Amino acid sequence: MTAQPIPAITLPPIRDPQQEGEWLQVALQNWLNREFIPEQVNEIISQRAARIFVRQRLEGENDLGSLVIAIVTEMQAFDFTESFFSEFAVANAVSDLIIHSLGIDRCCGQS
């Protein structure tokens, strides 16, 4: 059996940046709070990740993989010492939240 590459996930163009950013910020903060314990830093992390995501989308980036890499890259400047998370965990969580919102099965990439 030959391994097949996972197809890229392309998001539709952004229609309402404020709504998309607010949704992602709330969804990510809820996820961060559920994973370990609710912390004030989770709000800051989720706001920053949502800003990066929306800015990239406004610049025309719609490839989910590229958006995740942008979040990892830009979140490297964030001080995670007060958090249980890292830039990789945050970017992966964003990816999972987006994939789930699109109705895609995270396990196998199928709808």
PDB file of N, CA and C in Angstrom:
ATOM      1  N   MET A   1       0.850  -1.184   0.000  1.00  0.00           N
ATOM      2  CA  MET A   1       0.000   0.000   0.000  1.00  0.00           C
ATOM      3  C   MET A   1       0.892   1.242   0.000  1.00  0.00           C
ATOM      4  N   THR A   2       0.663   2.099  -0.935  1.00  0.00           N
ATOM      5  CA  THR A   2       1.457   3.314  -1.070  1.00  0.00           C
ATOM      6  C   THR A   2       0.845   4.424  -0.232  1.00  0.00           C
ATOM      7  N   ALA A   3       1.696   5.125   0.497  1.00  0.00           N
ATOM      8  CA  ALA A   3       1.214   6.255   1.302  1.00  0.00           C
ATOM      9  C   ALA A   3       0.798   7.390   0.383  1.00  0.00           C
ATOM     10  N   GLN A   4      -0.332   7.953   0.686  1.00  0.00           N
ATOM     11  CA  GLN A   4      -0.839   9.072  -0.094  1.00  0.00           C
ATOM     12  C   GLN A   4      -0.641  10.365   0.685  1.00  0.00           C
ATOM     13  N   PRO A   5      -0.212  11.423   0.012  1.00  0.00           N
ATOM     14  CA  PRO A   5      -0.071  12.692   0.730  1.00  0.00           C
ATOM     15  C   PRO A   5      -1.429  13.203   1.181  1.00  0.00           C
ATOM     16  N   ILE A   6      -1.416  13.878   2.288  1.00  0.00           N
ATOM     17  CA  ILE A   6      -2.649  14.494   2.793  1.00  0.00           C
ATOM     18  C   ILE A   6      -2.923  15.730   1.950  1.00  0.00           C
ATOM     19  N   PRO A   7      -4.120  15.826   1.384  1.00  0.00           N
ATOM     20  CA  PRO A   7      -4.409  16.996   0.549  1.00  0.00           C
ATOM     21  C   PRO A   7      -4.435  18.279   1.387  1.00  0.00           C
ATOM     22  N   ALA A   8      -4.023  19.356   0.763  1.00  0.00           N
ATOM     23  CA  ALA A   8      -4.035  20.660   1.430  1.00  0.00           C
ATOM     24  C   ALA A   8      -5.472  21.062   1.735  1.00  0.00           C
ATOM     25  N   ILE A   9      -5.632  21.799   2.807  1.00  0.00           N
ATOM     26  CA  ILE A   9      -6.948  22.333   3.155  1.00  0.00           C
ATOM     27  C   ILE A   9      -6.911  23.832   2.874  1.00  0.00           C
ATOM     28  N   THR A  10      -7.741  24.250   1.938  1.00  0.00           N
ATOM     29  CA  THR A  10      -7.813  25.647   1.557  1.00  0.00           C
ATOM     30  C   THR A  10      -9.108  26.229   2.091  1.00  0.00           C
ATOM     31  N   LEU A  11      -8.975  27.282   2.879  1.00  0.00           N
ATOM     32  CA  LEU A  11     -10.146  27.938   3.448  1.00  0.00           C
ATOM     33  C   LEU A  11     -10.755  28.879   2.422  1.00  0.00           C
ATOM     34  N   PRO A  12     -12.057  29.099   2.502  1.00  0.00           N
ATOM     35  CA  PRO A  12     -12.666  30.096   1.621  1.00  0.00           C
ATOM     36  C   PRO A  12     -12.127  31.481   1.989  1.00  0.00           C
ATOM     37  N   PRO A  13     -12.140  32.422   1.055  1.00  0.00           N
ATOM     38  CA  PRO A  13     -11.663  33.771   1.381  1.00  0.00           C
ATOM     39  C   PRO A  13     -12.399  34.337   2.594  1.00  0.00           C
ATOM     40  N   ILE A  14     -11.701  35.144   3.342  1.00  0.00           N
ATOM     41  CA  ILE A  14     -12.269  35.731   4.561  1.00  0.00           C
ATOM     42  C   ILE A  14     -13.376  36.719   4.188  1.00  0.00           C
ATOM     43  N   ARG A  15     -14.502  36.611   4.879  1.00  0.00           N
ATOM     44  CA  ARG A  15     -15.629  37.507   4.613  1.00  0.00           C
ATOM     45  C   ARG A  15     -15.827  38.518   5.727  1.00  0.00           C
ATOM     46  N   ASP A  16     -15.692  38.069   6.962  1.00  0.00           N
ATOM     47  CA  ASP A  16     -15.900  38.949   8.110  1.00  0.00           C
ATOM     48  C   ASP A  16     -14.731  38.756   9.074  1.00  0.00           C
ATOM     49  N   PRO A  17     -13.646  39.515   8.875  1.00  0.00           N
ATOM     50  CA  PRO A  17     -12.445  39.320   9.694  1.00  0.00           C
ATOM     51  C   PRO A  17     -12.700  39.449  11.192  1.00  0.00           C
ATOM     52  N   GLN A  18     -13.520  40.397  11.593  1.00  0.00           N
ATOM     53  CA  GLN A  18     -13.775  40.581  13.017  1.00  0.00           C
ATOM     54  C   GLN A  18     -14.471  39.358  13.602  1.00  0.00           C
ATOM     55  N   GLN A  19     -15.494  38.870  12.911  1.00  0.00           N
ATOM     56  CA  GLN A  19     -16.229  37.695  13.398  1.00  0.00           C
ATOM     57  C   GLN A  19     -15.324  36.468  13.428  1.00  0.00           C
ATOM     58  N   GLU A  20     -14.528  36.269  12.388  1.00  0.00           N
ATOM     59  CA  GLU A  20     -13.639  35.109  12.336  1.00  0.00           C
ATOM     60  C   GLU A  20     -12.606  35.175  13.458  1.00  0.00           C
ATOM     61  N   GLY A  21     -12.050  36.364  13.687  1.00  0.00           N
ATOM     62  CA  GLY A  21     -11.066  36.531  14.755  1.00  0.00           C
ATOM     63  C   GLY A  21     -11.667  36.311  16.133  1.00  0.00           C
ATOM     64  N   GLU A  22     -12.868  36.843  16.351  1.00  0.00           N
ATOM     65  CA  GLU A  22     -13.526  36.669  17.646  1.00  0.00           C
ATOM     66  C   GLU A  22     -13.859  35.203  17.890  1.00  0.00           C
ATOM     67  N   TRP A  23     -14.357  34.524  16.849  1.00  0.00           N
ATOM     68  CA  TRP A  23     -14.672  33.106  17.002  1.00  0.00           C
ATOM     69  C   TRP A  23     -13.421  32.314  17.374  1.00  0.00           C
ATOM     70  N   LEU A  24     -12.332  32.555  16.640  1.00  0.00           N
ATOM     71  CA  LEU A  24     -11.108  31.808  16.904  1.00  0.00           C
ATOM     72  C   LEU A  24     -10.560  32.126  18.287  1.00  0.00           C
ATOM     73  N   GLN A  25     -10.595  33.369  18.685  1.00  0.00           N
ATOM     74  CA  GLN A  25     -10.080  33.747  20.005  1.00  0.00           C
ATOM     75  C   GLN A  25     -10.850  33.029  21.114  1.00  0.00           C
ATOM     76  N   VAL A  26     -12.168  33.038  21.044  1.00  0.00           N
ATOM     77  CA  VAL A  26     -13.000  32.390  22.064  1.00  0.00           C
ATOM     78  C   VAL A  26     -12.812  30.870  22.033  1.00  0.00           C
ATOM     79  N   ALA A  27     -12.838  30.289  20.837  1.00  0.00           N
ATOM     80  CA  ALA A  27     -12.694  28.832  20.717  1.00  0.00           C
ATOM     81  C   ALA A  27     -11.327  28.377  21.229  1.00  0.00           C
ATOM     82  N   LEU A  28     -10.277  29.120  20.882  1.00  0.00           N
ATOM     83  CA  LEU A  28      -8.934  28.740  21.325  1.00  0.00           C
ATOM     84  C   LEU A  28      -8.779  28.919  22.830  1.00  0.00           C
ATOM     85  N   GLN A  29      -9.289  30.011  23.360  1.00  0.00           N
ATOM     86  CA  GLN A  29      -9.194  30.223  24.806  1.00  0.00           C
ATOM     87  C   GLN A  29      -9.950  29.128  25.558  1.00  0.00           C
ATOM     88  N   ASN A  30     -11.123  28.752  25.079  1.00  0.00           N
ATOM     89  CA  ASN A  30     -11.872  27.659  25.714  1.00  0.00           C
ATOM     90  C   ASN A  30     -11.081  26.362  25.665  1.00  0.00           C
ATOM     91  N   TRP A  31     -10.447  26.093  24.525  1.00  0.00           N
ATOM     92  CA  TRP A  31      -9.651  24.881  24.390  1.00  0.00           C
ATOM     93  C   TRP A  31      -8.470  24.897  25.363  1.00  0.00           C
ATOM     94  N   LEU A  32      -7.749  26.012  25.406  1.00  0.00           N
ATOM     95  CA  LEU A  32      -6.610  26.133  26.320  1.00  0.00           C
ATOM     96  C   LEU A  32      -7.053  25.936  27.767  1.00  0.00           C
ATOM     97  N   ASN A  33      -8.173  26.539  28.144  1.00  0.00           N
ATOM     98  CA  ASN A  33      -8.682  26.425  29.516  1.00  0.00           C
ATOM     99  C   ASN A  33      -9.097  24.991  29.859  1.00  0.00           C
ATOM    100  N   ARG A  34      -9.619  24.254  28.882  1.00  0.00           N
ATOM    101  CA  ARG A  34     -10.040  22.870  29.119  1.00  0.00           C
ATOM    102  C   ARG A  34      -8.858  21.907  29.187  1.00  0.00           C
ATOM    103  N   GLU A  35      -7.802  22.187  28.451  1.00  0.00           N
ATOM    104  CA  GLU A  35      -6.667  21.264  28.384  1.00  0.00           C
ATOM    105  C   GLU A  35      -5.939  21.127  29.721  1.00  0.00           C
ATOM    106  N   PHE A  36      -5.731  22.212  30.430  1.00  0.00           N
ATOM    107  CA  PHE A  36      -5.074  22.152  31.729  1.00  0.00           C
ATOM    108  C   PHE A  36      -5.951  22.855  32.755  1.00  0.00           C
ATOM    109  N   ILE A  37      -5.649  24.106  33.030  1.00  0.00           N
ATOM    110  CA  ILE A  37      -6.474  24.888  33.946  1.00  0.00           C
ATOM    111  C   ILE A  37      -6.659  26.275  33.349  1.00  0.00           C
ATOM    112  N   PRO A  38      -7.783  26.912  33.638  1.00  0.00           N
ATOM    113  CA  PRO A  38      -7.965  28.275  33.146  1.00  0.00           C
ATOM    114  C   PRO A  38      -6.904  29.201  33.752  1.00  0.00           C
ATOM    115  N   GLU A  39      -6.238  29.938  32.883  1.00  0.00           N
ATOM    116  CA  GLU A  39      -5.217  30.892  33.316  1.00  0.00           C
ATOM    117  C   GLU A  39      -5.392  32.183  32.536  1.00  0.00           C
ATOM    118  N   GLN A  40      -4.999  33.288  33.141  1.00  0.00           N
ATOM    119  CA  GLN A  40      -5.085  34.588  32.480  1.00  0.00           C
ATOM    120  C   GLN A  40      -4.262  34.608  31.187  1.00  0.00           C
ATOM    121  N   VAL A  41      -3.113  33.939  31.197  1.00  0.00           N
ATOM    122  CA  VAL A  41      -2.249  33.948  30.019  1.00  0.00           C
ATOM    123  C   VAL A  41      -2.931  33.301  28.815  1.00  0.00           C
ATOM    124  N   ASN A  42      -3.891  32.408  29.041  1.00  0.00           N
ATOM    125  CA  ASN A  42      -4.603  31.781  27.931  1.00  0.00           C
ATOM    126  C   ASN A  42      -5.356  32.806  27.095  1.00  0.00           C
ATOM    127  N   GLU A  43      -5.898  33.816  27.746  1.00  0.00           N
ATOM    128  CA  GLU A  43      -6.596  34.876  27.016  1.00  0.00           C
ATOM    129  C   GLU A  43      -5.622  35.638  26.124  1.00  0.00           C
ATOM    130  N   ILE A  44      -4.460  35.943  26.653  1.00  0.00           N
ATOM    131  CA  ILE A  44      -3.444  36.674  25.889  1.00  0.00           C
ATOM    132  C   ILE A  44      -2.964  35.833  24.708  1.00  0.00           C
ATOM    133  N   ILE A  45      -2.706  34.563  24.964  1.00  0.00           N
ATOM    134  CA  ILE A  45      -2.260  33.659  23.895  1.00  0.00           C
ATOM    135  C   ILE A  45      -3.308  33.570  22.796  1.00  0.00           C
ATOM    136  N   SER A  46      -4.563  33.378  23.170  1.00  0.00           N
ATOM    137  CA  SER A  46      -5.625  33.216  22.171  1.00  0.00           C
ATOM    138  C   SER A  46      -5.858  34.500  21.385  1.00  0.00           C
ATOM    139  N   GLN A  47      -5.746  35.645  22.038  1.00  0.00           N
ATOM    140  CA  GLN A  47      -5.889  36.918  21.320  1.00  0.00           C
ATOM    141  C   GLN A  47      -4.777  37.088  20.298  1.00  0.00           C
ATOM    142  N   ARG A  48      -3.566  36.781  20.722  1.00  0.00           N
ATOM    143  CA  ARG A  48      -2.426  36.940  19.818  1.00  0.00           C
ATOM    144  C   ARG A  48      -2.520  35.983  18.633  1.00  0.00           C
ATOM    145  N   ALA A  49      -2.837  34.731  18.885  1.00  0.00           N
ATOM    146  CA  ALA A  49      -2.958  33.751  17.796  1.00  0.00           C
ATOM    147  C   ALA A  49      -4.063  34.151  16.826  1.00  0.00           C
ATOM    148  N   ALA A  50      -5.181  34.629  17.345  1.00  0.00           N
ATOM    149  CA  ALA A  50      -6.292  35.051  16.482  1.00  0.00           C
ATOM    150  C   ALA A  50      -5.890  36.249  15.628  1.00  0.00           C
ATOM    151  N   ARG A  51      -5.135  37.189  16.207  1.00  0.00           N
ATOM    152  CA  ARG A  51      -4.667  38.351  15.428  1.00  0.00           C
ATOM    153  C   ARG A  51      -3.746  37.911  14.291  1.00  0.00           C
ATOM    154  N   ILE A  52      -2.839  36.997  14.580  1.00  0.00           N
ATOM    155  CA  ILE A  52      -1.932  36.487  13.547  1.00  0.00           C
ATOM    156  C   ILE A  52      -2.741  35.815  12.438  1.00  0.00           C
ATOM    157  N   PHE A  53      -3.660  34.957  12.828  1.00  0.00           N
ATOM    158  CA  PHE A  53      -4.483  34.227  11.873  1.00  0.00           C
ATOM    159  C   PHE A  53      -5.260  35.177  10.967  1.00  0.00           C
ATOM    160  N   VAL A  54      -5.940  36.157  11.559  1.00  0.00           N
ATOM    161  CA  VAL A  54      -6.756  37.080  10.768  1.00  0.00           C
ATOM    162  C   VAL A  54      -5.869  37.939   9.862  1.00  0.00           C
ATOM    163  N   ARG A  55      -4.747  38.402  10.381  1.00  0.00           N
ATOM    164  CA  ARG A  55      -3.852  39.221   9.550  1.00  0.00           C
ATOM    165  C   ARG A  55      -3.370  38.425   8.335  1.00  0.00           C
ATOM    166  N   GLN A  56      -2.987  37.180   8.561  1.00  0.00           N
ATOM    167  CA  GLN A  56      -2.549  36.336   7.453  1.00  0.00           C
ATOM    168  C   GLN A  56      -3.686  36.130   6.442  1.00  0.00           C
ATOM    169  N   ARG A  57      -4.883  35.930   6.953  1.00  0.00           N
ATOM    170  CA  ARG A  57      -6.041  35.742   6.063  1.00  0.00           C
ATOM    171  C   ARG A  57      -6.314  37.007   5.263  1.00  0.00           C
ATOM    172  N   LEU A  58      -6.198  38.170   5.912  1.00  0.00           N
ATOM    173  CA  LEU A  58      -6.417  39.434   5.201  1.00  0.00           C
ATOM    174  C   LEU A  58      -5.351  39.674   4.135  1.00  0.00           C
ATOM    175  N   GLU A  59      -4.177  39.112   4.346  1.00  0.00           N
ATOM    176  CA  GLU A  59      -3.101  39.218   3.355  1.00  0.00           C
ATOM    177  C   GLU A  59      -3.262  38.202   2.231  1.00  0.00           C
ATOM    178  N   GLY A  60      -4.340  37.411   2.292  1.00  0.00           N
ATOM    179  CA  GLY A  60      -4.661  36.495   1.206  1.00  0.00           C
ATOM    180  C   GLY A  60      -4.249  35.053   1.420  1.00  0.00           C
ATOM    181  N   GLU A  61      -3.744  34.729   2.599  1.00  0.00           N
ATOM    182  CA  GLU A  61      -3.341  33.342   2.870  1.00  0.00           C
ATOM    183  C   GLU A  61      -4.567  32.524   3.269  1.00  0.00           C
ATOM    184  N   ASN A  62      -4.858  31.485   2.493  1.00  0.00           N
ATOM    185  CA  ASN A  62      -6.014  30.640   2.767  1.00  0.00           C
ATOM    186  C   ASN A  62      -5.638  29.171   2.973  1.00  0.00           C
ATOM    187  N   ASP A  63      -4.361  28.833   2.812  1.00  0.00           N
ATOM    188  CA  ASP A  63      -3.895  27.469   3.017  1.00  0.00           C
ATOM    189  C   ASP A  63      -3.698  27.231   4.506  1.00  0.00           C
ATOM    190  N   LEU A  64      -4.403  26.252   5.059  1.00  0.00           N
ATOM    191  CA  LEU A  64      -4.361  26.019   6.498  1.00  0.00           C
ATOM    192  C   LEU A  64      -2.955  25.672   6.972  1.00  0.00           C
ATOM    193  N   GLY A  65      -2.221  24.881   6.211  1.00  0.00           N
ATOM    194  CA  GLY A  65      -0.857  24.539   6.590  1.00  0.00           C
ATOM    195  C   GLY A  65       0.032  25.769   6.703  1.00  0.00           C
ATOM    196  N   SER A  66      -0.087  26.684   5.760  1.00  0.00           N
ATOM    197  CA  SER A  66       0.696  27.918   5.799  1.00  0.00           C
ATOM    198  C   SER A  66       0.283  28.805   6.962  1.00  0.00           C
ATOM    199  N   LEU A  67      -1.001  28.805   7.279  1.00  0.00           N
ATOM    200  CA  LEU A  67      -1.485  29.588   8.419  1.00  0.00           C
ATOM    201  C   LEU A  67      -0.926  29.037   9.723  1.00  0.00           C
ATOM    202  N   VAL A  68      -0.864  27.723   9.848  1.00  0.00           N
ATOM    203  CA  VAL A  68      -0.309  27.089  11.048  1.00  0.00           C
ATOM    204  C   VAL A  68       1.170  27.437  11.187  1.00  0.00           C
ATOM    205  N   ILE A  69       1.909  27.379  10.100  1.00  0.00           N
ATOM    206  CA  ILE A  69       3.334  27.726  10.138  1.00  0.00           C
ATOM    207  C   ILE A  69       3.522  29.183  10.532  1.00  0.00           C
ATOM    208  N   ALA A  70       2.672  30.063  10.025  1.00  0.00           N
ATOM    209  CA  ALA A  70       2.764  31.482  10.395  1.00  0.00           C
ATOM    210  C   ALA A  70       2.524  31.673  11.890  1.00  0.00           C
ATOM    211  N   ILE A  71       1.562  30.951  12.441  1.00  0.00           N
ATOM    212  CA  ILE A  71       1.283  31.064  13.876  1.00  0.00           C
ATOM    213  C   ILE A  71       2.481  30.554  14.682  1.00  0.00           C
ATOM    214  N   VAL A  72       3.029  29.408  14.301  1.00  0.00           N
ATOM    215  CA  VAL A  72       4.207  28.880  15.003  1.00  0.00           C
ATOM    216  C   VAL A  72       5.335  29.904  14.953  1.00  0.00           C
ATOM    217  N   THR A  73       5.615  30.418  13.773  1.00  0.00           N
ATOM    218  CA  THR A  73       6.726  31.350  13.588  1.00  0.00           C
ATOM    219  C   THR A  73       6.546  32.617  14.418  1.00  0.00           C
ATOM    220  N   GLU A  74       5.372  33.210  14.334  1.00  0.00           N
ATOM    221  CA  GLU A  74       5.154  34.481  15.039  1.00  0.00           C
ATOM    222  C   GLU A  74       4.985  34.299  16.544  1.00  0.00           C
ATOM    223  N   MET A  75       4.466  33.157  16.963  1.00  0.00           N
ATOM    224  CA  MET A  75       4.290  32.914  18.401  1.00  0.00           C
ATOM    225  C   MET A  75       5.613  32.556  19.082  1.00  0.00           C
ATOM    226  N   GLN A  76       6.670  32.297  18.319  1.00  0.00           N
ATOM    227  CA  GLN A  76       7.971  32.015  18.916  1.00  0.00           C
ATOM    228  C   GLN A  76       8.479  33.210  19.715  1.00  0.00           C
ATOM    229  N   ALA A  77       8.023  34.400  19.375  1.00  0.00           N
ATOM    230  CA  ALA A  77       8.441  35.606  20.100  1.00  0.00           C
ATOM    231  C   ALA A  77       7.679  35.770  21.418  1.00  0.00           C
ATOM    232  N   PHE A  78       6.639  34.972  21.634  1.00  0.00           N
ATOM    233  CA  PHE A  78       5.837  35.074  22.853  1.00  0.00           C
ATOM    234  C   PHE A  78       6.529  34.324  23.991  1.00  0.00           C
ATOM    235  N   ASP A  79       6.454  34.881  25.181  1.00  0.00           N
ATOM    236  CA  ASP A  79       7.047  34.256  26.364  1.00  0.00           C
ATOM    237  C   ASP A  79       6.039  33.270  26.966  1.00  0.00           C
ATOM    238  N   PHE A  80       6.275  31.984  26.764  1.00  0.00           N
ATOM    239  CA  PHE A  80       5.368  30.946  27.235  1.00  0.00           C
ATOM    240  C   PHE A  80       5.713  30.450  28.637  1.00  0.00           C
ATOM    241  N   THR A  81       6.593  31.137  29.365  1.00  0.00           N
ATOM    242  CA  THR A  81       7.023  30.633  30.672  1.00  0.00           C
ATOM    243  C   THR A  81       5.885  30.560  31.684  1.00  0.00           C
ATOM    244  N   GLU A  82       4.827  31.343  31.514  1.00  0.00           N
ATOM    245  CA  GLU A  82       3.694  31.312  32.437  1.00  0.00           C
ATOM    246  C   GLU A  82       2.578  30.401  31.938  1.00  0.00           C
ATOM    247  N   SER A  83       2.876  29.582  30.951  1.00  0.00           N
ATOM    248  CA  SER A  83       1.862  28.755  30.320  1.00  0.00           C
ATOM    249  C   SER A  83       2.321  27.300  30.268  1.00  0.00           C
ATOM    250  N   PHE A  84       1.352  26.407  30.167  1.00  0.00           N
ATOM    251  CA  PHE A  84       1.636  24.994  29.958  1.00  0.00           C
ATOM    252  C   PHE A  84       1.864  24.700  28.476  1.00  0.00           C
ATOM    253  N   PHE A  85       1.635  25.668  27.621  1.00  0.00           N
ATOM    254  CA  PHE A  85       1.620  25.468  26.178  1.00  0.00           C
ATOM    255  C   PHE A  85       2.876  26.010  25.514  1.00  0.00           C
ATOM    256  N   SER A  86       2.989  25.740  24.217  1.00  0.00           N
ATOM    257  CA  SER A  86       4.067  26.259  23.378  1.00  0.00           C
ATOM    258  C   SER A  86       3.436  26.763  22.083  1.00  0.00           C
ATOM    259  N   GLU A  87       4.253  27.390  21.258  1.00  0.00           N
ATOM    260  CA  GLU A  87       3.747  27.877  19.974  1.00  0.00           C
ATOM    261  C   GLU A  87       3.233  26.717  19.113  1.00  0.00           C
ATOM    262  N   PHE A  88       3.829  25.540  19.255  1.00  0.00           N
ATOM    263  CA  PHE A  88       3.395  24.380  18.465  1.00  0.00           C
ATOM    264  C   PHE A  88       2.026  23.885  18.924  1.00  0.00           C
ATOM    265  N   ALA A  89       1.826  23.816  20.229  1.00  0.00           N
ATOM    266  CA  ALA A  89       0.535  23.380  20.761  1.00  0.00           C
ATOM    267  C   ALA A  89      -0.568  24.348  20.350  1.00  0.00           C
ATOM    268  N   VAL A  90      -0.274  25.635  20.390  1.00  0.00           N
ATOM    269  CA  VAL A  90      -1.265  26.653  20.016  1.00  0.00           C
ATOM    270  C   VAL A  90      -1.613  26.538  18.532  1.00  0.00           C
ATOM    271  N   ALA A  91      -0.603  26.439  17.692  1.00  0.00           N
ATOM    272  CA  ALA A  91      -0.850  26.348  16.250  1.00  0.00           C
ATOM    273  C   ALA A  91      -1.612  25.068  15.903  1.00  0.00           C
ATOM    274  N   ASN A  92      -1.252  23.964  16.545  1.00  0.00           N
ATOM    275  CA  ASN A  92      -1.974  22.709  16.301  1.00  0.00           C
ATOM    276  C   ASN A  92      -3.419  22.796  16.768  1.00  0.00           C
ATOM    277  N   ALA A  93      -3.640  23.470  17.888  1.00  0.00           N
ATOM    278  CA  ALA A  93      -5.010  23.648  18.378  1.00  0.00           C
ATOM    279  C   ALA A  93      -5.825  24.488  17.397  1.00  0.00           C
ATOM    280  N   VAL A  94      -5.233  25.543  16.869  1.00  0.00           N
ATOM    281  CA  VAL A  94      -5.922  26.372  15.874  1.00  0.00           C
ATOM    282  C   VAL A  94      -6.300  25.509  14.671  1.00  0.00           C
ATOM    283  N   SER A  95      -5.359  24.707  14.206  1.00  0.00           N
ATOM    284  CA  SER A  95      -5.632  23.835  13.070  1.00  0.00           C
ATOM    285  C   SER A  95      -6.793  22.885  13.374  1.00  0.00           C
ATOM    286  N   ASP A  96      -6.761  22.257  14.537  1.00  0.00           N
ATOM    287  CA  ASP A  96      -7.835  21.338  14.918  1.00  0.00           C
ATOM    288  C   ASP A  96      -9.185  22.043  14.997  1.00  0.00           C
ATOM    289  N   LEU A  97      -9.200  23.242  15.572  1.00  0.00           N
ATOM    290  CA  LEU A  97     -10.453  23.993  15.684  1.00  0.00           C
ATOM    291  C   LEU A  97     -11.009  24.354  14.310  1.00  0.00           C
ATOM    292  N   ILE A  98     -10.141  24.786  13.402  1.00  0.00           N
ATOM    293  CA  ILE A  98     -10.575  25.143  12.048  1.00  0.00           C
ATOM    294  C   ILE A  98     -11.084  23.897  11.319  1.00  0.00           C
ATOM    295  N   ILE A  99     -10.323  22.809  11.401  1.00  0.00           N
ATOM    296  CA  ILE A  99     -10.725  21.560  10.739  1.00  0.00           C
ATOM    297  C   ILE A  99     -12.080  21.089  11.264  1.00  0.00           C
ATOM    298  N   HIS A 100     -12.244  21.142  12.573  1.00  0.00           N
ATOM    299  CA  HIS A 100     -13.524  20.736  13.165  1.00  0.00           C
ATOM    300  C   HIS A 100     -14.657  21.641  12.671  1.00  0.00           C
ATOM    301  N   SER A 101     -14.407  22.945  12.594  1.00  0.00           N
ATOM    302  CA  SER A 101     -15.454  23.878  12.144  1.00  0.00           C
ATOM    303  C   SER A 101     -15.857  23.635  10.692  1.00  0.00           C
ATOM    304  N   LEU A 102     -14.944  23.044   9.922  1.00  0.00           N
ATOM    305  CA  LEU A 102     -15.236  22.735   8.515  1.00  0.00           C
ATOM    306  C   LEU A 102     -15.899  21.374   8.354  1.00  0.00           C
ATOM    307  N   GLY A 103     -16.026  20.635   9.471  1.00  0.00           N
ATOM    308  CA  GLY A 103     -16.657  19.318   9.413  1.00  0.00           C
ATOM    309  C   GLY A 103     -15.756  18.234   8.861  1.00  0.00           C
ATOM    310  N   ILE A 104     -14.451  18.421   8.964  1.00  0.00           N
ATOM    311  CA  ILE A 104     -13.495  17.434   8.471  1.00  0.00           C
ATOM    312  C   ILE A 104     -13.054  16.551   9.628  1.00  0.00           C
ATOM    313  N   ASP A 105     -13.023  15.249   9.388  1.00  0.00           N
ATOM    314  CA  ASP A 105     -12.574  14.300  10.397  1.00  0.00           C
ATOM    315  C   ASP A 105     -11.063  14.447  10.563  1.00  0.00           C
ATOM    316  N   ARG A 106     -10.620  14.839  11.748  1.00  0.00           N
ATOM    317  CA  ARG A 106      -9.199  15.074  11.991  1.00  0.00           C
ATOM    318  C   ARG A 106      -8.381  13.798  11.868  1.00  0.00           C
ATOM    319  N   CYS A 107      -9.002  12.684  12.105  1.00  0.00           N
ATOM    320  CA  CYS A 107      -8.278  11.404  12.078  1.00  0.00           C
ATOM    321  C   CYS A 107      -7.760  11.084  10.684  1.00  0.00           C
ATOM    322  N   CYS A 108      -8.604  11.179   9.732  1.00  0.00           N
ATOM    323  CA  CYS A 108      -8.235  10.667   8.417  1.00  0.00           C
ATOM    324  C   CYS A 108      -8.378  11.678   7.290  1.00  0.00           C
ATOM    325  N   GLY A 109      -8.701  12.911   7.620  1.00  0.00           N
ATOM    326  CA  GLY A 109      -8.831  13.943   6.607  1.00  0.00           C
ATOM    327  C   GLY A 109     -10.061  13.832   5.735  1.00  0.00           C
ATOM    328  N   GLN A 110     -11.039  13.090   6.191  1.00  0.00           N
ATOM    329  CA  GLN A 110     -12.260  12.895   5.407  1.00  0.00           C
ATOM    330  C   GLN A 110     -13.403  13.717   5.996  1.00  0.00           C
ATOM    331  N   SER A 111     -14.320  14.157   5.143  1.00  0.00           N
ATOM    332  CA  SER A 111     -15.509  14.871   5.611  1.00  0.00           C
ATOM    333  C   SER A 111     -16.533  13.883   6.082  1.00  0.00           C
TER     334      SER A 111
END
